[in-house]
């Protein structure tokens, strides 16, 4: 059903500052902008790589405390995969945004490094290694050593009820649990859910508190967008197994078909079918 992550959406407090940050640090360029019906600016699209974008919404409001916390319920971070992390980090290091170009080795075996955007959103850069949990779950050969940014590797959510979240993403949306990483005490912690080769969700159990996403303009994470090839059929299948459809399928101003649902923790999930004449396809 789900073939990829199309985009992650954020609500920045300062659009110009945020666009400049992602351009200067990562080289993600603004490729187009959408406007409201009255002509006011609405969404800025930054291109990460082919088929993967970062959506930035105007009019972000500072109505919640952003907490990058692996214990608090809700969205945690965005991970972008790179073909050669040392080369990428060297470029960022030379710009003065990090203190060292050397990546860390995480428990899964991948190489990574963390940065934070002007609003405190966590951005993980990660290079897969052949022996990693992620690559062992591939269903086709995966090309290593490619130049530049490869795609959105994963979005990470801290879940109040891990079983409910696994049921939603695996049983209902058709993804697959491919590995579980234990914490330092040996207890199950990071759940790797495969969406497609090289594209995952990370689900963390035992979330505390309520989801801090108060509304469409609240600072920080806004929604996760999943790409599908047959939106109408997918929505009917989801409806048939009891998934609540928050917004029925319709075409949006960017010409794509979209529908909206939410996961057990209230994180907004957009389902999108990319149209050939959409600005995303043209970009």
C-alpha atoms as a PDB file:
ATOM      1  CA  UNK A   1       0.000   0.000   0.000  1.00  0.00           C
ATOM      2  CA  UNK A   2       2.535   2.599   1.143  1.00  0.00           C
ATOM      3  CA  UNK A   3       5.537   3.076  -1.146  1.00  0.00           C
ATOM      4  CA  UNK A   4       7.536   5.896   0.433  1.00  0.00           C
ATOM      5  CA  UNK A   5       7.670   8.989   2.623  1.00  0.00           C
ATOM      6  CA  UNK A   6       6.736  11.941   0.414  1.00  0.00           C
ATOM      7  CA  UNK A   7       7.515  14.682   2.916  1.00  0.00           C
ATOM      8  CA  UNK A   8       7.751  15.785   6.520  1.00  0.00           C
ATOM      9  CA  UNK A   9       6.011  19.066   7.404  1.00  0.00           C
ATOM     10  CA  UNK A  10       7.218  21.596   9.974  1.00  0.00           C
ATOM     11  CA  UNK A  11       5.851  24.902  11.271  1.00  0.00           C
ATOM     12  CA  UNK A  12       8.828  27.268  11.662  1.00  0.00           C
ATOM     13  CA  UNK A  13       8.582  30.461  13.678  1.00  0.00           C
ATOM     14  CA  UNK A  14      10.794  32.376  11.233  1.00  0.00           C
ATOM     15  CA  UNK A  15      10.392  31.205   7.624  1.00  0.00           C
ATOM     16  CA  UNK A  16      13.337  33.148   6.168  1.00  0.00           C
ATOM     17  CA  UNK A  17      15.698  31.980   8.907  1.00  0.00           C
ATOM     18  CA  UNK A  18      14.609  28.354   8.525  1.00  0.00           C
ATOM     19  CA  UNK A  19      14.831  28.323   4.724  1.00  0.00           C
ATOM     20  CA  UNK A  20      18.312  29.859   4.945  1.00  0.00           C
ATOM     21  CA  UNK A  21      19.388  27.273   7.525  1.00  0.00           C
ATOM     22  CA  UNK A  22      18.399  24.239   5.452  1.00  0.00           C
ATOM     23  CA  UNK A  23      19.909  25.797   2.320  1.00  0.00           C
ATOM     24  CA  UNK A  24      23.193  26.844   3.950  1.00  0.00           C
ATOM     25  CA  UNK A  25      23.735  23.709   6.036  1.00  0.00           C
ATOM     26  CA  UNK A  26      22.335  20.917   3.854  1.00  0.00           C
ATOM     27  CA  UNK A  27      21.922  22.533   0.453  1.00  0.00           C
ATOM     28  CA  UNK A  28      18.173  21.795   0.332  1.00  0.00           C
ATOM     29  CA  UNK A  29      16.875  24.410  -2.100  1.00  0.00           C
ATOM     30  CA  UNK A  30      13.460  26.045  -2.250  1.00  0.00           C
ATOM     31  CA  UNK A  31      11.849  24.611  -5.387  1.00  0.00           C
ATOM     32  CA  UNK A  32       8.345  26.080  -5.247  1.00  0.00           C
ATOM     33  CA  UNK A  33       5.797  27.750  -3.000  1.00  0.00           C
ATOM     34  CA  UNK A  34       2.035  27.274  -2.639  1.00  0.00           C
ATOM     35  CA  UNK A  35      -0.415  30.061  -1.860  1.00  0.00           C
ATOM     36  CA  UNK A  36      -3.802  30.223  -0.187  1.00  0.00           C
ATOM     37  CA  UNK A  37      -6.929  31.036  -2.178  1.00  0.00           C
ATOM     38  CA  UNK A  38      -6.589  34.711  -1.195  1.00  0.00           C
ATOM     39  CA  UNK A  39      -3.037  34.802  -2.531  1.00  0.00           C
ATOM     40  CA  UNK A  40      -1.258  34.779   0.835  1.00  0.00           C
ATOM     41  CA  UNK A  41       1.879  32.583   1.096  1.00  0.00           C
ATOM     42  CA  UNK A  42       1.127  29.165   2.542  1.00  0.00           C
ATOM     43  CA  UNK A  43       3.787  26.446   2.092  1.00  0.00           C
ATOM     44  CA  UNK A  44       7.437  26.491   1.024  1.00  0.00           C
ATOM     45  CA  UNK A  45       8.808  23.273  -0.463  1.00  0.00           C
ATOM     46  CA  UNK A  46      12.480  22.376  -0.039  1.00  0.00           C
ATOM     47  CA  UNK A  47      13.845  19.515  -2.135  1.00  0.00           C
ATOM     48  CA  UNK A  48      15.907  16.988  -0.180  1.00  0.00           C
ATOM     49  CA  UNK A  49      16.397  14.660  -3.155  1.00  0.00           C
ATOM     50  CA  UNK A  50      14.293  13.114  -5.904  1.00  0.00           C
ATOM     51  CA  UNK A  51      10.776  12.489  -4.578  1.00  0.00           C
ATOM     52  CA  UNK A  52      11.483  13.649  -1.005  1.00  0.00           C
ATOM     53  CA  UNK A  53      10.660  17.124   0.275  1.00  0.00           C
ATOM     54  CA  UNK A  54      10.501  19.209   3.433  1.00  0.00           C
ATOM     55  CA  UNK A  55       7.294  21.235   3.767  1.00  0.00           C
ATOM     56  CA  UNK A  56       7.524  24.486   5.713  1.00  0.00           C
ATOM     57  CA  UNK A  57       4.274  26.234   6.660  1.00  0.00           C
ATOM     58  CA  UNK A  58       3.982  29.969   7.239  1.00  0.00           C
ATOM     59  CA  UNK A  59       2.538  31.459  10.437  1.00  0.00           C
ATOM     60  CA  UNK A  60       4.029  29.046  12.959  1.00  0.00           C
ATOM     61  CA  UNK A  61       2.962  29.912  16.500  1.00  0.00           C
ATOM     62  CA  UNK A  62       5.069  29.565  19.637  1.00  0.00           C
ATOM     63  CA  UNK A  63       2.243  27.993  21.628  1.00  0.00           C
ATOM     64  CA  UNK A  64       4.069  24.949  22.958  1.00  0.00           C
ATOM     65  CA  UNK A  65       7.426  24.095  24.466  1.00  0.00           C
ATOM     66  CA  UNK A  66       9.459  22.102  21.985  1.00  0.00           C
ATOM     67  CA  UNK A  67      11.107  19.178  23.744  1.00  0.00           C
ATOM     68  CA  UNK A  68      13.483  16.872  21.916  1.00  0.00           C
ATOM     69  CA  UNK A  69      12.912  14.099  24.406  1.00  0.00           C
ATOM     70  CA  UNK A  70      12.954  10.344  23.811  1.00  0.00           C
ATOM     71  CA  UNK A  71      10.406   9.904  26.626  1.00  0.00           C
ATOM     72  CA  UNK A  72       7.663  12.329  25.572  1.00  0.00           C
ATOM     73  CA  UNK A  73       4.792  11.144  23.388  1.00  0.00           C
ATOM     74  CA  UNK A  74       4.705  12.343  19.778  1.00  0.00           C
ATOM     75  CA  UNK A  75       7.071  13.175  16.954  1.00  0.00           C
ATOM     76  CA  UNK A  76      10.754  12.959  17.816  1.00  0.00           C
ATOM     77  CA  UNK A  77      13.001  13.569  14.789  1.00  0.00           C
ATOM     78  CA  UNK A  78      13.578  13.462  11.045  1.00  0.00           C
ATOM     79  CA  UNK A  79      16.333  11.273   9.577  1.00  0.00           C
ATOM     80  CA  UNK A  80      17.806  11.894   6.128  1.00  0.00           C
ATOM     81  CA  UNK A  81      20.053   9.250   4.611  1.00  0.00           C
ATOM     82  CA  UNK A  82      23.254  10.112   2.763  1.00  0.00           C
ATOM     83  CA  UNK A  83      25.385   8.036   0.423  1.00  0.00           C
ATOM     84  CA  UNK A  84      28.749   9.055   1.898  1.00  0.00           C
ATOM     85  CA  UNK A  85      28.328  10.604   5.327  1.00  0.00           C
ATOM     86  CA  UNK A  86      31.993  11.544   5.745  1.00  0.00           C
ATOM     87  CA  UNK A  87      31.943  13.619   2.583  1.00  0.00           C
ATOM     88  CA  UNK A  88      28.654  15.263   3.575  1.00  0.00           C
ATOM     89  CA  UNK A  89      29.843  16.025   7.097  1.00  0.00           C
ATOM     90  CA  UNK A  90      33.116  17.442   5.795  1.00  0.00           C
ATOM     91  CA  UNK A  91      31.162  19.964   3.729  1.00  0.00           C
ATOM     92  CA  UNK A  92      29.012  20.936   6.743  1.00  0.00           C
ATOM     93  CA  UNK A  93      32.114  21.088   8.966  1.00  0.00           C
ATOM     94  CA  UNK A  94      33.859  23.466   6.575  1.00  0.00           C
ATOM     95  CA  UNK A  95      30.833  25.765   6.771  1.00  0.00           C
ATOM     96  CA  UNK A  96      31.254  25.909  10.561  1.00  0.00           C
ATOM     97  CA  UNK A  97      27.991  24.235  11.580  1.00  0.00           C
ATOM     98  CA  UNK A  98      29.512  21.216  13.353  1.00  0.00           C
ATOM     99  CA  UNK A  99      32.635  20.783  15.479  1.00  0.00           C
ATOM    100  CA  UNK A 100      33.863  17.570  13.864  1.00  0.00           C
ATOM    101  CA  UNK A 101      33.249  15.795  10.545  1.00  0.00           C
ATOM    102  CA  UNK A 102      33.473  12.362  12.198  1.00  0.00           C
ATOM    103  CA  UNK A 103      30.200  10.400  12.433  1.00  0.00           C
ATOM    104  CA  UNK A 104      29.083   8.276  15.365  1.00  0.00           C
ATOM    105  CA  UNK A 105      28.377   4.549  15.115  1.00  0.00           C
ATOM    106  CA  UNK A 106      24.927   3.749  16.507  1.00  0.00           C
ATOM    107  CA  UNK A 107      23.705   0.426  17.888  1.00  0.00           C
ATOM    108  CA  UNK A 108      22.098  -0.569  14.601  1.00  0.00           C
ATOM    109  CA  UNK A 109      25.509  -0.362  12.945  1.00  0.00           C
ATOM    110  CA  UNK A 110      24.747   2.768  10.919  1.00  0.00           C
ATOM    111  CA  UNK A 111      26.860   5.930  10.902  1.00  0.00           C
ATOM    112  CA  UNK A 112      25.115   9.128  11.980  1.00  0.00           C
ATOM    113  CA  UNK A 113      25.346  12.687  13.230  1.00  0.00           C
ATOM    114  CA  UNK A 114      22.740  15.023  14.754  1.00  0.00           C
ATOM    115  CA  UNK A 115      21.946  18.686  14.125  1.00  0.00           C
ATOM    116  CA  UNK A 116      19.067  20.927  15.225  1.00  0.00           C
ATOM    117  CA  UNK A 117      17.214  23.478  13.134  1.00  0.00           C
ATOM    118  CA  UNK A 118      16.362  27.022  14.356  1.00  0.00           C
ATOM    119  CA  UNK A 119      13.239  25.708  16.106  1.00  0.00           C
ATOM    120  CA  UNK A 120      15.055  22.847  17.846  1.00  0.00           C
ATOM    121  CA  UNK A 121      13.792  20.061  15.581  1.00  0.00           C
ATOM    122  CA  UNK A 122      16.193  17.121  15.572  1.00  0.00           C
ATOM    123  CA  UNK A 123      17.738  16.308  12.184  1.00  0.00           C
ATOM    124  CA  UNK A 124      19.688  13.045  11.976  1.00  0.00           C
ATOM    125  CA  UNK A 125      22.010  12.369   9.056  1.00  0.00           C
ATOM    126  CA  UNK A 126      22.604   8.654   8.589  1.00  0.00           C
ATOM    127  CA  UNK A 127      24.595   6.360   6.322  1.00  0.00           C
ATOM    128  CA  UNK A 128      23.380   2.778   6.152  1.00  0.00           C
ATOM    129  CA  UNK A 129      25.937  -0.001   6.419  1.00  0.00           C
ATOM    130  CA  UNK A 130      25.462  -3.448   4.816  1.00  0.00           C
ATOM    131  CA  UNK A 131      25.303  -5.216   8.189  1.00  0.00           C
ATOM    132  CA  UNK A 132      22.740  -2.830   9.708  1.00  0.00           C
ATOM    133  CA  UNK A 133      19.250  -3.924  10.733  1.00  0.00           C
ATOM    134  CA  UNK A 134      17.785  -1.683   8.050  1.00  0.00           C
ATOM    135  CA  UNK A 135      19.784  -3.103   5.163  1.00  0.00           C
ATOM    136  CA  UNK A 136      19.270  -6.687   6.284  1.00  0.00           C
ATOM    137  CA  UNK A 137      15.527  -6.103   5.782  1.00  0.00           C
ATOM    138  CA  UNK A 138      15.862  -5.088   2.117  1.00  0.00           C
ATOM    139  CA  UNK A 139      13.879  -6.966  -0.483  1.00  0.00           C
ATOM    140  CA  UNK A 140      16.134  -5.856  -3.352  1.00  0.00           C
ATOM    141  CA  UNK A 141      19.780  -4.798  -3.740  1.00  0.00           C
ATOM    142  CA  UNK A 142      20.512  -1.394  -2.243  1.00  0.00           C
ATOM    143  CA  UNK A 143      23.194   0.761  -3.818  1.00  0.00           C
ATOM    144  CA  UNK A 144      25.802   1.995  -1.347  1.00  0.00           C
ATOM    145  CA  UNK A 145      28.193   4.878  -1.797  1.00  0.00           C
ATOM    146  CA  UNK A 146      25.891   7.161  -3.756  1.00  0.00           C
ATOM    147  CA  UNK A 147      26.686  10.852  -3.719  1.00  0.00           C
ATOM    148  CA  UNK A 148      24.696  13.360  -1.664  1.00  0.00           C
ATOM    149  CA  UNK A 149      21.349  12.935   0.038  1.00  0.00           C
ATOM    150  CA  UNK A 150      19.563   9.682  -0.745  1.00  0.00           C
ATOM    151  CA  UNK A 151      16.170  10.321   0.869  1.00  0.00           C
ATOM    152  CA  UNK A 152      14.119  10.539   4.045  1.00  0.00           C
ATOM    153  CA  UNK A 153      15.382   7.503   5.933  1.00  0.00           C
ATOM    154  CA  UNK A 154      12.839   7.585   8.730  1.00  0.00           C
ATOM    155  CA  UNK A 155      10.610   9.616  10.960  1.00  0.00           C
ATOM    156  CA  UNK A 156      10.673   8.751  14.667  1.00  0.00           C
ATOM    157  CA  UNK A 157       7.685   8.730  17.026  1.00  0.00           C
ATOM    158  CA  UNK A 158       7.539   8.107  20.781  1.00  0.00           C
ATOM    159  CA  UNK A 159       4.405   6.030  21.411  1.00  0.00           C
ATOM    160  CA  UNK A 160       2.227   5.714  24.503  1.00  0.00           C
ATOM    161  CA  UNK A 161       1.042   2.231  23.516  1.00  0.00           C
ATOM    162  CA  UNK A 162       3.628   0.509  21.322  1.00  0.00           C
ATOM    163  CA  UNK A 163       1.322  -2.407  20.502  1.00  0.00           C
ATOM    164  CA  UNK A 164      -1.401  -0.047  19.282  1.00  0.00           C
ATOM    165  CA  UNK A 165       1.127   1.848  17.164  1.00  0.00           C
ATOM    166  CA  UNK A 166       2.559  -1.351  15.680  1.00  0.00           C
ATOM    167  CA  UNK A 167      -0.966  -2.530  14.894  1.00  0.00           C
ATOM    168  CA  UNK A 168      -1.716   0.765  13.132  1.00  0.00           C
ATOM    169  CA  UNK A 169       1.446   1.013  11.054  1.00  0.00           C
ATOM    170  CA  UNK A 170       1.980  -2.706  10.381  1.00  0.00           C
ATOM    171  CA  UNK A 171      -1.434  -4.383  10.328  1.00  0.00           C
ATOM    172  CA  UNK A 172      -3.428  -1.443   8.990  1.00  0.00           C
ATOM    173  CA  UNK A 173      -0.940   0.447   6.796  1.00  0.00           C
ATOM    174  CA  UNK A 174       0.933  -2.671   5.697  1.00  0.00           C
ATOM    175  CA  UNK A 175       4.420  -1.922   7.005  1.00  0.00           C
ATOM    176  CA  UNK A 176       6.618  -4.571   8.629  1.00  0.00           C
ATOM    177  CA  UNK A 177       8.441  -4.765  11.952  1.00  0.00           C
ATOM    178  CA  UNK A 178      11.984  -5.788  10.995  1.00  0.00           C
ATOM    179  CA  UNK A 179      13.977  -5.327  14.187  1.00  0.00           C
ATOM    180  CA  UNK A 180      13.983  -4.178  17.795  1.00  0.00           C
ATOM    181  CA  UNK A 181      16.929  -2.469  19.462  1.00  0.00           C
ATOM    182  CA  UNK A 182      17.248  -2.850  23.232  1.00  0.00           C
ATOM    183  CA  UNK A 183      18.108  -0.034  25.607  1.00  0.00           C
ATOM    184  CA  UNK A 184      21.094  -0.072  27.961  1.00  0.00           C
ATOM    185  CA  UNK A 185      19.098  -2.170  30.448  1.00  0.00           C
ATOM    186  CA  UNK A 186      18.343  -4.813  27.847  1.00  0.00           C
ATOM    187  CA  UNK A 187      14.670  -3.846  27.465  1.00  0.00           C
ATOM    188  CA  UNK A 188      13.023  -3.485  24.019  1.00  0.00           C
ATOM    189  CA  UNK A 189      13.297   0.133  22.877  1.00  0.00           C
ATOM    190  CA  UNK A 190      13.659   1.209  19.236  1.00  0.00           C
ATOM    191  CA  UNK A 191      11.253  -0.631  16.915  1.00  0.00           C
ATOM    192  CA  UNK A 192      12.295  -0.509  13.242  1.00  0.00           C
ATOM    193  CA  UNK A 193       9.283  -0.596  10.927  1.00  0.00           C
ATOM    194  CA  UNK A 194      10.030  -1.062   7.213  1.00  0.00           C
ATOM    195  CA  UNK A 195       7.988   0.923   4.713  1.00  0.00           C
ATOM    196  CA  UNK A 196      10.148   0.231   1.649  1.00  0.00           C
ATOM    197  CA  UNK A 197      13.820  -0.494   1.004  1.00  0.00           C
ATOM    198  CA  UNK A 198      15.781   2.239   2.767  1.00  0.00           C
ATOM    199  CA  UNK A 199      12.662   3.899   4.231  1.00  0.00           C
ATOM    200  CA  UNK A 200      11.468   3.250   7.802  1.00  0.00           C
ATOM    201  CA  UNK A 201       9.625   4.456  10.852  1.00  0.00           C
ATOM    202  CA  UNK A 202      11.234   4.297  14.274  1.00  0.00           C
ATOM    203  CA  UNK A 203       8.751   3.705  17.074  1.00  0.00           C
ATOM    204  CA  UNK A 204       9.800   4.139  20.712  1.00  0.00           C
ATOM    205  CA  UNK A 205       7.628   2.740  23.562  1.00  0.00           C
ATOM    206  CA  UNK A 206       6.542   4.146  26.911  1.00  0.00           C
ATOM    207  CA  UNK A 207       5.772   7.702  25.829  1.00  0.00           C
ATOM    208  CA  UNK A 208       4.888  10.087  28.642  1.00  0.00           C
ATOM    209  CA  UNK A 209       2.312  12.881  28.614  1.00  0.00           C
ATOM    210  CA  UNK A 210       0.028  14.008  25.840  1.00  0.00           C
ATOM    211  CA  UNK A 211       1.048  14.638  22.255  1.00  0.00           C
ATOM    212  CA  UNK A 212       2.258  18.273  22.238  1.00  0.00           C
ATOM    213  CA  UNK A 213       0.990  18.967  18.707  1.00  0.00           C
ATOM    214  CA  UNK A 214      -1.788  21.401  19.619  1.00  0.00           C
ATOM    215  CA  UNK A 215      -2.855  22.508  16.164  1.00  0.00           C
ATOM    216  CA  UNK A 216      -2.009  23.136  12.541  1.00  0.00           C
ATOM    217  CA  UNK A 217       0.186  26.142  13.337  1.00  0.00           C
ATOM    218  CA  UNK A 218       1.931  24.895  16.474  1.00  0.00           C
ATOM    219  CA  UNK A 219       5.705  25.235  16.254  1.00  0.00           C
ATOM    220  CA  UNK A 220       7.613  22.150  15.178  1.00  0.00           C
ATOM    221  CA  UNK A 221       6.328  18.950  13.602  1.00  0.00           C
ATOM    222  CA  UNK A 222       3.044  19.202  11.739  1.00  0.00           C
ATOM    223  CA  UNK A 223       2.499  15.959   9.827  1.00  0.00           C
ATOM    224  CA  UNK A 224       3.983  12.933   8.099  1.00  0.00           C
ATOM    225  CA  UNK A 225       3.053  12.363   4.443  1.00  0.00           C
ATOM    226  CA  UNK A 226       3.067   8.842   2.998  1.00  0.00           C
ATOM    227  CA  UNK A 227       3.031   8.275  -0.753  1.00  0.00           C
ATOM    228  CA  UNK A 228       0.711   5.743  -2.391  1.00  0.00           C
ATOM    229  CA  UNK A 229      -0.119   4.770  -5.966  1.00  0.00           C
ATOM    230  CA  UNK A 230      -3.876   4.206  -5.506  1.00  0.00           C
ATOM    231  CA  UNK A 231      -5.271   6.578  -2.913  1.00  0.00           C
ATOM    232  CA  UNK A 232      -8.967   5.883  -3.444  1.00  0.00           C
ATOM    233  CA  UNK A 233      -8.566   2.120  -3.120  1.00  0.00           C
ATOM    234  CA  UNK A 234      -6.304   2.488  -0.090  1.00  0.00           C
ATOM    235  CA  UNK A 235      -8.773   4.762   1.707  1.00  0.00           C
ATOM    236  CA  UNK A 236     -11.608   2.301   1.130  1.00  0.00           C
ATOM    237  CA  UNK A 237      -9.470  -0.548   2.432  1.00  0.00           C
ATOM    238  CA  UNK A 238      -8.573   1.445   5.545  1.00  0.00           C
ATOM    239  CA  UNK A 239     -12.200   2.387   6.107  1.00  0.00           C
ATOM    240  CA  UNK A 240     -13.142  -1.275   5.839  1.00  0.00           C
ATOM    241  CA  UNK A 241     -10.803  -2.251   8.686  1.00  0.00           C
ATOM    242  CA  UNK A 242     -12.000   0.527  10.964  1.00  0.00           C
ATOM    243  CA  UNK A 243      -9.455   3.314  10.409  1.00  0.00           C
ATOM    244  CA  UNK A 244     -11.028   6.736  10.924  1.00  0.00           C
ATOM    245  CA  UNK A 245     -10.720   8.922   7.828  1.00  0.00           C
ATOM    246  CA  UNK A 246     -10.230  12.499   9.017  1.00  0.00           C
ATOM    247  CA  UNK A 247     -10.470  13.984   5.525  1.00  0.00           C
ATOM    248  CA  UNK A 248     -11.852  12.209   2.496  1.00  0.00           C
ATOM    249  CA  UNK A 249      -9.797  12.035  -0.712  1.00  0.00           C
ATOM    250  CA  UNK A 250      -9.672  15.236  -2.707  1.00  0.00           C
ATOM    251  CA  UNK A 251      -7.305  17.125  -4.972  1.00  0.00           C
ATOM    252  CA  UNK A 252      -5.341  19.930  -3.364  1.00  0.00           C
ATOM    253  CA  UNK A 253      -3.902  23.132  -4.806  1.00  0.00           C
ATOM    254  CA  UNK A 254      -0.759  21.249  -5.858  1.00  0.00           C
ATOM    255  CA  UNK A 255      -2.909  18.916  -8.061  1.00  0.00           C
ATOM    256  CA  UNK A 256      -2.152  15.828  -5.974  1.00  0.00           C
ATOM    257  CA  UNK A 257      -4.799  13.594  -4.428  1.00  0.00           C
ATOM    258  CA  UNK A 258      -4.690  13.522  -0.627  1.00  0.00           C
ATOM    259  CA  UNK A 259      -6.550  12.101   2.357  1.00  0.00           C
ATOM    260  CA  UNK A 260      -5.880  12.357   6.080  1.00  0.00           C
ATOM    261  CA  UNK A 261      -5.826   9.914   8.976  1.00  0.00           C
ATOM    262  CA  UNK A 262      -4.118   9.877  12.389  1.00  0.00           C
ATOM    263  CA  UNK A 263      -2.176   7.312  14.383  1.00  0.00           C
ATOM    264  CA  UNK A 264      -3.028   6.129  17.943  1.00  0.00           C
ATOM    265  CA  UNK A 265      -1.082   9.041  19.464  1.00  0.00           C
ATOM    266  CA  UNK A 266      -2.853  11.648  17.346  1.00  0.00           C
ATOM    267  CA  UNK A 267       0.012  12.316  14.936  1.00  0.00           C
ATOM    268  CA  UNK A 268      -1.452  13.575  11.660  1.00  0.00           C
ATOM    269  CA  UNK A 269      -0.731  11.329   8.671  1.00  0.00           C
ATOM    270  CA  UNK A 270      -1.367  12.450   5.103  1.00  0.00           C
ATOM    271  CA  UNK A 271      -1.811   9.916   2.327  1.00  0.00           C
ATOM    272  CA  UNK A 272      -0.826  11.367  -1.054  1.00  0.00           C
ATOM    273  CA  UNK A 273      -0.941  10.207  -4.667  1.00  0.00           C
ATOM    274  CA  UNK A 274       1.480  12.307  -6.718  1.00  0.00           C
ATOM    275  CA  UNK A 275       0.053  13.699  -9.966  1.00  0.00           C
ATOM    276  CA  UNK A 276       2.330  13.797 -13.048  1.00  0.00           C
ATOM    277  CA  UNK A 277       1.652  17.530 -13.533  1.00  0.00           C
ATOM    278  CA  UNK A 278       2.165  18.453  -9.860  1.00  0.00           C
ATOM    279  CA  UNK A 279       4.986  20.792  -8.797  1.00  0.00           C
ATOM    280  CA  UNK A 280       6.498  17.909  -6.802  1.00  0.00           C
ATOM    281  CA  UNK A 281       6.758  15.744  -9.906  1.00  0.00           C
ATOM    282  CA  UNK A 282       8.147  18.611 -11.975  1.00  0.00           C
ATOM    283  CA  UNK A 283      10.730  19.414  -9.275  1.00  0.00           C
END
